[in-house]
Amino acid sequence: MGTWELKYSDAALKDLDNIDRSVRRHIIDRLEWCAEHFDDIIPSPLHAEWKGFFKFRASGWRIVYDFDSSHCLIKVHQIDRRDRVYK
């Protein structure tokens, strides 16, 4: 199908601004990889109050996103350390 488009919420952009430059680069690289290969991966759904969202891992960081398959759009909502992201 091809590359999906990545969009970032204001909260996700703020999260990225608060992350060290080298780690931020790693997270962005992983997200770009995800967009390029999204048709080949199985999204990992979240539950409870996070129902409707999915998670993606970048080392010790978690990315919370949702997607719109009709527009090939992945929207990143939150980026944080694994131990803090769901709190």
PDB file of N, CA and C in Angstrom:
ATOM      1  N   MET A   1       0.814  -1.189   0.000  1.00  0.00           N
ATOM      2  CA  MET A   1       0.000   0.000   0.000  1.00  0.00           C
ATOM      3  C   MET A   1       0.862   1.258   0.000  1.00  0.00           C
ATOM      4  N   GLY A   2       2.044   1.229   0.659  1.00  0.00           N
ATOM      5  CA  GLY A   2       2.910   2.394   0.653  1.00  0.00           C
ATOM      6  C   GLY A   2       3.064   3.017   2.015  1.00  0.00           C
ATOM      7  N   THR A   3       3.755   4.115   2.035  1.00  0.00           N
ATOM      8  CA  THR A   3       4.043   4.805   3.282  1.00  0.00           C
ATOM      9  C   THR A   3       2.825   5.526   3.821  1.00  0.00           C
ATOM     10  N   TRP A   4       2.624   5.392   5.083  1.00  0.00           N
ATOM     11  CA  TRP A   4       1.560   6.098   5.782  1.00  0.00           C
ATOM     12  C   TRP A   4       2.078   7.467   6.212  1.00  0.00           C
ATOM     13  N   GLU A   5       1.179   8.412   6.363  1.00  0.00           N
ATOM     14  CA  GLU A   5       1.541   9.746   6.816  1.00  0.00           C
ATOM     15  C   GLU A   5       1.505   9.789   8.342  1.00  0.00           C
ATOM     16  N   LEU A   6       2.503  10.450   8.922  1.00  0.00           N
ATOM     17  CA  LEU A   6       2.571  10.646  10.369  1.00  0.00           C
ATOM     18  C   LEU A   6       2.115  12.057  10.704  1.00  0.00           C
ATOM     19  N   LYS A   7       1.258  12.180  11.697  1.00  0.00           N
ATOM     20  CA  LYS A   7       0.870  13.484  12.241  1.00  0.00           C
ATOM     21  C   LYS A   7       1.068  13.414  13.741  1.00  0.00           C
ATOM     22  N   TYR A   8       1.405  14.555  14.330  1.00  0.00           N
ATOM     23  CA  TYR A   8       1.656  14.632  15.762  1.00  0.00           C
ATOM     24  C   TYR A   8       0.672  15.587  16.401  1.00  0.00           C
ATOM     25  N   SER A   9       0.089  15.174  17.516  1.00  0.00           N
ATOM     26  CA  SER A   9      -0.762  16.084  18.288  1.00  0.00           C
ATOM     27  C   SER A   9       0.139  17.126  18.946  1.00  0.00           C
ATOM     28  N   ASP A  10      -0.461  18.207  19.421  1.00  0.00           N
ATOM     29  CA  ASP A  10       0.304  19.225  20.143  1.00  0.00           C
ATOM     30  C   ASP A  10       0.987  18.611  21.365  1.00  0.00           C
ATOM     31  N   ALA A  11       0.289  17.712  22.053  1.00  0.00           N
ATOM     32  CA  ALA A  11       0.865  17.053  23.233  1.00  0.00           C
ATOM     33  C   ALA A  11       2.082  16.212  22.854  1.00  0.00           C
ATOM     34  N   ALA A  12       2.012  15.500  21.736  1.00  0.00           N
ATOM     35  CA  ALA A  12       3.144  14.673  21.303  1.00  0.00           C
ATOM     36  C   ALA A  12       4.332  15.546  20.918  1.00  0.00           C
ATOM     37  N   LEU A  13       4.080  16.682  20.267  1.00  0.00           N
ATOM     38  CA  LEU A  13       5.166  17.600  19.921  1.00  0.00           C
ATOM     39  C   LEU A  13       5.823  18.159  21.180  1.00  0.00           C
ATOM     40  N   LYS A  14       5.014  18.457  22.180  1.00  0.00           N
ATOM     41  CA  LYS A  14       5.544  18.940  23.456  1.00  0.00           C
ATOM     42  C   LYS A  14       6.381  17.848  24.121  1.00  0.00           C
ATOM     43  N   ASP A  15       5.888  16.605  24.064  1.00  0.00           N
ATOM     44  CA  ASP A  15       6.653  15.483  24.613  1.00  0.00           C
ATOM     45  C   ASP A  15       8.015  15.383  23.933  1.00  0.00           C
ATOM     46  N   LEU A  16       8.048  15.489  22.607  1.00  0.00           N
ATOM     47  CA  LEU A  16       9.307  15.409  21.873  1.00  0.00           C
ATOM     48  C   LEU A  16      10.260  16.532  22.263  1.00  0.00           C
ATOM     49  N   ASP A  17       9.721  17.714  22.471  1.00  0.00           N
ATOM     50  CA  ASP A  17      10.557  18.855  22.860  1.00  0.00           C
ATOM     51  C   ASP A  17      11.256  18.628  24.195  1.00  0.00           C
ATOM     52  N   ASN A  18      10.682  17.809  25.047  1.00  0.00           N
ATOM     53  CA  ASN A  18      11.232  17.562  26.376  1.00  0.00           C
ATOM     54  C   ASN A  18      12.172  16.359  26.443  1.00  0.00           C
ATOM     55  N   ILE A  19      12.487  15.784  25.299  1.00  0.00           N
ATOM     56  CA  ILE A  19      13.323  14.587  25.240  1.00  0.00           C
ATOM     57  C   ILE A  19      14.700  14.966  24.675  1.00  0.00           C
ATOM     58  N   ASP A  20      15.737  14.377  25.244  1.00  0.00           N
ATOM     59  CA  ASP A  20      17.103  14.590  24.778  1.00  0.00           C
ATOM     60  C   ASP A  20      17.199  14.384  23.260  1.00  0.00           C
ATOM     61  N   ARG A  21      18.022  15.185  22.608  1.00  0.00           N
ATOM     62  CA  ARG A  21      18.117  15.191  21.142  1.00  0.00           C
ATOM     63  C   ARG A  21      18.397  13.809  20.537  1.00  0.00           C
ATOM     64  N   SER A  22      19.343  13.066  21.096  1.00  0.00           N
ATOM     65  CA  SER A  22      19.672  11.758  20.507  1.00  0.00           C
ATOM     66  C   SER A  22      18.523  10.765  20.680  1.00  0.00           C
ATOM     67  N   VAL A  23      17.866  10.800  21.822  1.00  0.00           N
ATOM     68  CA  VAL A  23      16.713   9.923  22.053  1.00  0.00           C
ATOM     69  C   VAL A  23      15.562  10.333  21.141  1.00  0.00           C
ATOM     70  N   ARG A  24      15.342  11.640  21.009  1.00  0.00           N
ATOM     71  CA  ARG A  24      14.291  12.148  20.115  1.00  0.00           C
ATOM     72  C   ARG A  24      14.519  11.646  18.691  1.00  0.00           C
ATOM     73  N   ARG A  25      15.775  11.681  18.229  1.00  0.00           N
ATOM     74  CA  ARG A  25      16.095  11.208  16.877  1.00  0.00           C
ATOM     75  C   ARG A  25      15.748   9.730  16.746  1.00  0.00           C
ATOM     76  N   HIS A  26      16.081   8.940  17.770  1.00  0.00           N
ATOM     77  CA  HIS A  26      15.771   7.505  17.754  1.00  0.00           C
ATOM     78  C   HIS A  26      14.255   7.286  17.671  1.00  0.00           C
ATOM     79  N   ILE A  27      13.497   8.031  18.459  1.00  0.00           N
ATOM     80  CA  ILE A  27      12.033   7.891  18.462  1.00  0.00           C
ATOM     81  C   ILE A  27      11.460   8.267  17.096  1.00  0.00           C
ATOM     82  N   ILE A  28      11.926   9.370  16.536  1.00  0.00           N
ATOM     83  CA  ILE A  28      11.430   9.802  15.216  1.00  0.00           C
ATOM     84  C   ILE A  28      11.805   8.778  14.150  1.00  0.00           C
ATOM     85  N   ASP A  29      13.018   8.250  14.220  1.00  0.00           N
ATOM     86  CA  ASP A  29      13.423   7.201  13.267  1.00  0.00           C
ATOM     87  C   ASP A  29      12.514   5.984  13.367  1.00  0.00           C
ATOM     88  N   ARG A  30      12.191   5.570  14.599  1.00  0.00           N
ATOM     89  CA  ARG A  30      11.296   4.412  14.785  1.00  0.00           C
ATOM     90  C   ARG A  30       9.904   4.700  14.243  1.00  0.00           C
ATOM     91  N   LEU A  31       9.414   5.927  14.467  1.00  0.00           N
ATOM     92  CA  LEU A  31       8.098   6.289  13.946  1.00  0.00           C
ATOM     93  C   LEU A  31       8.093   6.305  12.421  1.00  0.00           C
ATOM     94  N   GLU A  32       9.151   6.802  11.825  1.00  0.00           N
ATOM     95  CA  GLU A  32       9.241   6.798  10.365  1.00  0.00           C
ATOM     96  C   GLU A  32       9.294   5.370   9.838  1.00  0.00           C
ATOM     97  N   TRP A  33      10.022   4.495  10.547  1.00  0.00           N
ATOM     98  CA  TRP A  33      10.046   3.084  10.165  1.00  0.00           C
ATOM     99  C   TRP A  33       8.629   2.505  10.241  1.00  0.00           C
ATOM    100  N   CYS A  34       7.938   2.819  11.324  1.00  0.00           N
ATOM    101  CA  CYS A  34       6.568   2.335  11.516  1.00  0.00           C
ATOM    102  C   CYS A  34       5.680   2.778  10.352  1.00  0.00           C
ATOM    103  N   ALA A  35       5.783   4.037   9.945  1.00  0.00           N
ATOM    104  CA  ALA A  35       4.970   4.550   8.846  1.00  0.00           C
ATOM    105  C   ALA A  35       5.299   3.840   7.537  1.00  0.00           C
ATOM    106  N   GLU A  36       6.566   3.540   7.315  1.00  0.00           N
ATOM    107  CA  GLU A  36       6.979   2.853   6.088  1.00  0.00           C
ATOM    108  C   GLU A  36       6.534   1.397   6.056  1.00  0.00           C
ATOM    109  N   HIS A  37       6.392   0.783   7.217  1.00  0.00           N
ATOM    110  CA  HIS A  37       6.082  -0.650   7.300  1.00  0.00           C
ATOM    111  C   HIS A  37       4.736  -0.941   7.965  1.00  0.00           C
ATOM    112  N   PHE A  38       3.888   0.056   8.070  1.00  0.00           N
ATOM    113  CA  PHE A  38       2.659  -0.105   8.841  1.00  0.00           C
ATOM    114  C   PHE A  38       1.765  -1.219   8.302  1.00  0.00           C
ATOM    115  N   ASP A  39       1.795  -1.445   7.014  1.00  0.00           N
ATOM    116  CA  ASP A  39       0.971  -2.518   6.437  1.00  0.00           C
ATOM    117  C   ASP A  39       1.468  -3.904   6.840  1.00  0.00           C
ATOM    118  N   ASP A  40       2.703  -3.989   7.330  1.00  0.00           N
ATOM    119  CA  ASP A  40       3.296  -5.273   7.690  1.00  0.00           C
ATOM    120  C   ASP A  40       3.309  -5.549   9.189  1.00  0.00           C
ATOM    121  N   ILE A  41       2.902  -4.583  10.006  1.00  0.00           N
ATOM    122  CA  ILE A  41       2.916  -4.797  11.452  1.00  0.00           C
ATOM    123  C   ILE A  41       1.488  -4.977  11.968  1.00  0.00           C
ATOM    124  N   ILE A  42       1.394  -5.564  13.129  1.00  0.00           N
ATOM    125  CA  ILE A  42       0.096  -5.737  13.777  1.00  0.00           C
ATOM    126  C   ILE A  42       0.025  -4.724  14.923  1.00  0.00           C
ATOM    127  N   PRO A  43      -0.859  -3.725  14.813  1.00  0.00           N
ATOM    128  CA  PRO A  43      -0.961  -2.725  15.882  1.00  0.00           C
ATOM    129  C   PRO A  43      -1.301  -3.376  17.219  1.00  0.00           C
ATOM    130  N   SER A  44      -0.665  -2.881  18.272  1.00  0.00           N
ATOM    131  CA  SER A  44      -0.869  -3.411  19.613  1.00  0.00           C
ATOM    132  C   SER A  44      -1.872  -2.524  20.356  1.00  0.00           C
ATOM    133  N   PRO A  45      -3.117  -3.006  20.523  1.00  0.00           N
ATOM    134  CA  PRO A  45      -4.158  -2.151  21.118  1.00  0.00           C
ATOM    135  C   PRO A  45      -3.984  -1.969  22.618  1.00  0.00           C
ATOM    136  N   LEU A  46      -4.439  -0.818  23.072  1.00  0.00           N
ATOM    137  CA  LEU A  46      -4.489  -0.534  24.505  1.00  0.00           C
ATOM    138  C   LEU A  46      -5.900  -0.790  25.006  1.00  0.00           C
ATOM    139  N   HIS A  47      -6.067  -0.825  26.315  1.00  0.00           N
ATOM    140  CA  HIS A  47      -7.356  -1.185  26.905  1.00  0.00           C
ATOM    141  C   HIS A  47      -7.805  -0.138  27.924  1.00  0.00           C
ATOM    142  N   ALA A  48      -8.952  -0.387  28.512  1.00  0.00           N
ATOM    143  CA  ALA A  48      -9.546   0.481  29.554  1.00  0.00           C
ATOM    144  C   ALA A  48      -9.703   1.892  29.021  1.00  0.00           C
ATOM    145  N   GLU A  49      -9.199   2.892  29.759  1.00  0.00           N
ATOM    146  CA  GLU A  49      -9.406   4.282  29.333  1.00  0.00           C
ATOM    147  C   GLU A  49      -8.623   4.626  28.062  1.00  0.00           C
ATOM    148  N   TRP A  50      -7.732   3.736  27.646  1.00  0.00           N
ATOM    149  CA  TRP A  50      -6.961   3.940  26.421  1.00  0.00           C
ATOM    150  C   TRP A  50      -7.552   3.188  25.225  1.00  0.00           C
ATOM    151  N   LYS A  51      -8.744   2.638  25.390  1.00  0.00           N
ATOM    152  CA  LYS A  51      -9.374   1.894  24.292  1.00  0.00           C
ATOM    153  C   LYS A  51      -9.484   2.782  23.053  1.00  0.00           C
ATOM    154  N   GLY A  52      -9.158   2.231  21.902  1.00  0.00           N
ATOM    155  CA  GLY A  52      -9.167   2.979  20.650  1.00  0.00           C
ATOM    156  C   GLY A  52      -7.788   3.491  20.262  1.00  0.00           C
ATOM    157  N   PHE A  53      -6.819   3.349  21.205  1.00  0.00           N
ATOM    158  CA  PHE A  53      -5.447   3.757  20.941  1.00  0.00           C
ATOM    159  C   PHE A  53      -4.559   2.526  20.874  1.00  0.00           C
ATOM    160  N   PHE A  54      -3.383   2.726  20.321  1.00  0.00           N
ATOM    161  CA  PHE A  54      -2.424   1.650  20.149  1.00  0.00           C
ATOM    162  C   PHE A  54      -1.075   2.117  20.677  1.00  0.00           C
ATOM    163  N   LYS A  55      -0.184   1.148  20.942  1.00  0.00           N
ATOM    164  CA  LYS A  55       1.143   1.497  21.442  1.00  0.00           C
ATOM    165  C   LYS A  55       2.211   0.996  20.486  1.00  0.00           C
ATOM    166  N   PHE A  56       3.309   1.731  20.479  1.00  0.00           N
ATOM    167  CA  PHE A  56       4.473   1.363  19.690  1.00  0.00           C
ATOM    168  C   PHE A  56       5.688   1.619  20.562  1.00  0.00           C
ATOM    169  N   ARG A  57       6.668   0.758  20.495  1.00  0.00           N
ATOM    170  CA  ARG A  57       7.833   0.835  21.364  1.00  0.00           C
ATOM    171  C   ARG A  57       9.038   1.401  20.629  1.00  0.00           C
ATOM    172  N   ALA A  58       9.762   2.259  21.320  1.00  0.00           N
ATOM    173  CA  ALA A  58      11.053   2.760  20.849  1.00  0.00           C
ATOM    174  C   ALA A  58      11.983   2.700  22.060  1.00  0.00           C
ATOM    175  N   SER A  59      12.686   1.599  22.198  1.00  0.00           N
ATOM    176  CA  SER A  59      13.524   1.322  23.377  1.00  0.00           C
ATOM    177  C   SER A  59      12.657   1.386  24.627  1.00  0.00           C
ATOM    178  N   GLY A  60      13.018   2.204  25.600  1.00  0.00           N
ATOM    179  CA  GLY A  60      12.253   2.310  26.841  1.00  0.00           C
ATOM    180  C   GLY A  60      11.116   3.315  26.759  1.00  0.00           C
ATOM    181  N   TRP A  61      10.832   3.796  25.575  1.00  0.00           N
ATOM    182  CA  TRP A  61       9.791   4.799  25.364  1.00  0.00           C
ATOM    183  C   TRP A  61       8.575   4.161  24.717  1.00  0.00           C
ATOM    184  N   ARG A  62       7.408   4.695  25.025  1.00  0.00           N
ATOM    185  CA  ARG A  62       6.171   4.221  24.417  1.00  0.00           C
ATOM    186  C   ARG A  62       5.507   5.370  23.674  1.00  0.00           C
ATOM    187  N   ILE A  63       4.979   5.038  22.532  1.00  0.00           N
ATOM    188  CA  ILE A  63       4.287   5.992  21.684  1.00  0.00           C
ATOM    189  C   ILE A  63       2.836   5.551  21.619  1.00  0.00           C
ATOM    190  N   VAL A  64       1.931   6.435  21.982  1.00  0.00           N
ATOM    191  CA  VAL A  64       0.496   6.156  21.929  1.00  0.00           C
ATOM    192  C   VAL A  64      -0.048   6.827  20.676  1.00  0.00           C
ATOM    193  N   TYR A  65      -0.727   6.043  19.853  1.00  0.00           N
ATOM    194  CA  TYR A  65      -1.217   6.559  18.581  1.00  0.00           C
ATOM    195  C   TYR A  65      -2.563   5.943  18.238  1.00  0.00           C
ATOM    196  N   ASP A  66      -3.203   6.531  17.246  1.00  0.00           N
ATOM    197  CA  ASP A  66      -4.330   5.877  16.588  1.00  0.00           C
ATOM    198  C   ASP A  66      -4.097   6.025  15.091  1.00  0.00           C
ATOM    199  N   PHE A  67      -4.939   5.396  14.294  1.00  0.00           N
ATOM    200  CA  PHE A  67      -4.729   5.472  12.848  1.00  0.00           C
ATOM    201  C   PHE A  67      -6.048   5.458  12.108  1.00  0.00           C
ATOM    202  N   ASP A  68      -5.999   5.990  10.903  1.00  0.00           N
ATOM    203  CA  ASP A  68      -7.147   6.042  10.006  1.00  0.00           C
ATOM    204  C   ASP A  68      -6.727   5.357   8.713  1.00  0.00           C
ATOM    205  N   SER A  69      -7.159   4.108   8.545  1.00  0.00           N
ATOM    206  CA  SER A  69      -6.718   3.337   7.384  1.00  0.00           C
ATOM    207  C   SER A  69      -7.267   3.871   6.067  1.00  0.00           C
ATOM    208  N   SER A  70      -8.402   4.562   6.097  1.00  0.00           N
ATOM    209  CA  SER A  70      -8.955   5.094   4.845  1.00  0.00           C
ATOM    210  C   SER A  70      -8.128   6.260   4.301  1.00  0.00           C
ATOM    211  N   HIS A  71      -7.353   6.923   5.168  1.00  0.00           N
ATOM    212  CA  HIS A  71      -6.505   8.039   4.738  1.00  0.00           C
ATOM    213  C   HIS A  71      -5.012   7.740   4.921  1.00  0.00           C
ATOM    214  N   CYS A  72      -4.678   6.500   5.292  1.00  0.00           N
ATOM    215  CA  CYS A  72      -3.275   6.113   5.554  1.00  0.00           C
ATOM    216  C   CYS A  72      -2.603   7.117   6.474  1.00  0.00           C
ATOM    217  N   LEU A  73      -3.250   7.381   7.601  1.00  0.00           N
ATOM    218  CA  LEU A  73      -2.784   8.391   8.544  1.00  0.00           C
ATOM    219  C   LEU A  73      -2.566   7.771   9.920  1.00  0.00           C
ATOM    220  N   ILE A  74      -1.398   8.013  10.481  1.00  0.00           N
ATOM    221  CA  ILE A  74      -1.074   7.609  11.845  1.00  0.00           C
ATOM    222  C   ILE A  74      -0.934   8.889  12.647  1.00  0.00           C
ATOM    223  N   LYS A  75      -1.723   9.021  13.718  1.00  0.00           N
ATOM    224  CA  LYS A  75      -1.632  10.214  14.557  1.00  0.00           C
ATOM    225  C   LYS A  75      -1.039   9.832  15.901  1.00  0.00           C
ATOM    226  N   VAL A  76       0.088  10.460  16.219  1.00  0.00           N
ATOM    227  CA  VAL A  76       0.789  10.230  17.475  1.00  0.00           C
ATOM    228  C   VAL A  76       0.196  11.180  18.510  1.00  0.00           C
ATOM    229  N   HIS A  77      -0.230  10.611  19.647  1.00  0.00           N
ATOM    230  CA  HIS A  77      -0.885  11.407  20.688  1.00  0.00           C
ATOM    231  C   HIS A  77       0.003  11.661  21.897  1.00  0.00           C
ATOM    232  N   GLN A  78       0.868  10.705  22.246  1.00  0.00           N
ATOM    233  CA  GLN A  78       1.670  10.853  23.449  1.00  0.00           C
ATOM    234  C   GLN A  78       2.941  10.040  23.317  1.00  0.00           C
ATOM    235  N   ILE A  79       4.028  10.579  23.885  1.00  0.00           N
ATOM    236  CA  ILE A  79       5.318   9.897  23.903  1.00  0.00           C
ATOM    237  C   ILE A  79       5.896  10.082  25.306  1.00  0.00           C
ATOM    238  N   ASP A  80       6.207   8.977  25.955  1.00  0.00           N
ATOM    239  CA  ASP A  80       6.772   9.081  27.300  1.00  0.00           C
ATOM    240  C   ASP A  80       7.496   7.793  27.643  1.00  0.00           C
ATOM    241  N   ARG A  81       8.205   7.812  28.753  1.00  0.00           N
ATOM    242  CA  ARG A  81       8.881   6.612  29.245  1.00  0.00           C
ATOM    243  C   ARG A  81       7.835   5.532  29.530  1.00  0.00           C
ATOM    244  N   ARG A  82       8.249   4.324  29.376  1.00  0.00           N
ATOM    245  CA  ARG A  82       7.342   3.190  29.549  1.00  0.00           C
ATOM    246  C   ARG A  82       6.673   3.178  30.898  1.00  0.00           C
ATOM    247  N   ASP A  83       7.394   3.572  31.942  1.00  0.00           N
ATOM    248  CA  ASP A  83       6.834   3.512  33.294  1.00  0.00           C
ATOM    249  C   ASP A  83       5.931   4.693  33.630  1.00  0.00           C
ATOM    250  N   ARG A  84       5.845   5.696  32.748  1.00  0.00           N
ATOM    251  CA  ARG A  84       5.017   6.871  33.030  1.00  0.00           C
ATOM    252  C   ARG A  84       3.899   7.109  32.026  1.00  0.00           C
ATOM    253  N   VAL A  85       3.958   6.512  30.885  1.00  0.00           N
ATOM    254  CA  VAL A  85       3.075   6.892  29.783  1.00  0.00           C
ATOM    255  C   VAL A  85       1.589   6.667  30.075  1.00  0.00           C
ATOM    256  N   TYR A  86       1.226   5.638  30.785  1.00  0.00           N
ATOM    257  CA  TYR A  86      -0.190   5.308  30.971  1.00  0.00           C
ATOM    258  C   TYR A  86      -0.765   5.869  32.264  1.00  0.00           C
ATOM    259  N   LYS A  87      -0.032   6.710  32.946  1.00  0.00           N
ATOM    260  CA  LYS A  87      -0.502   7.263  34.237  1.00  0.00           C
ATOM    261  C   LYS A  87      -1.085   8.634  34.061  1.00  0.00           C
TER     262      LYS A  87
END
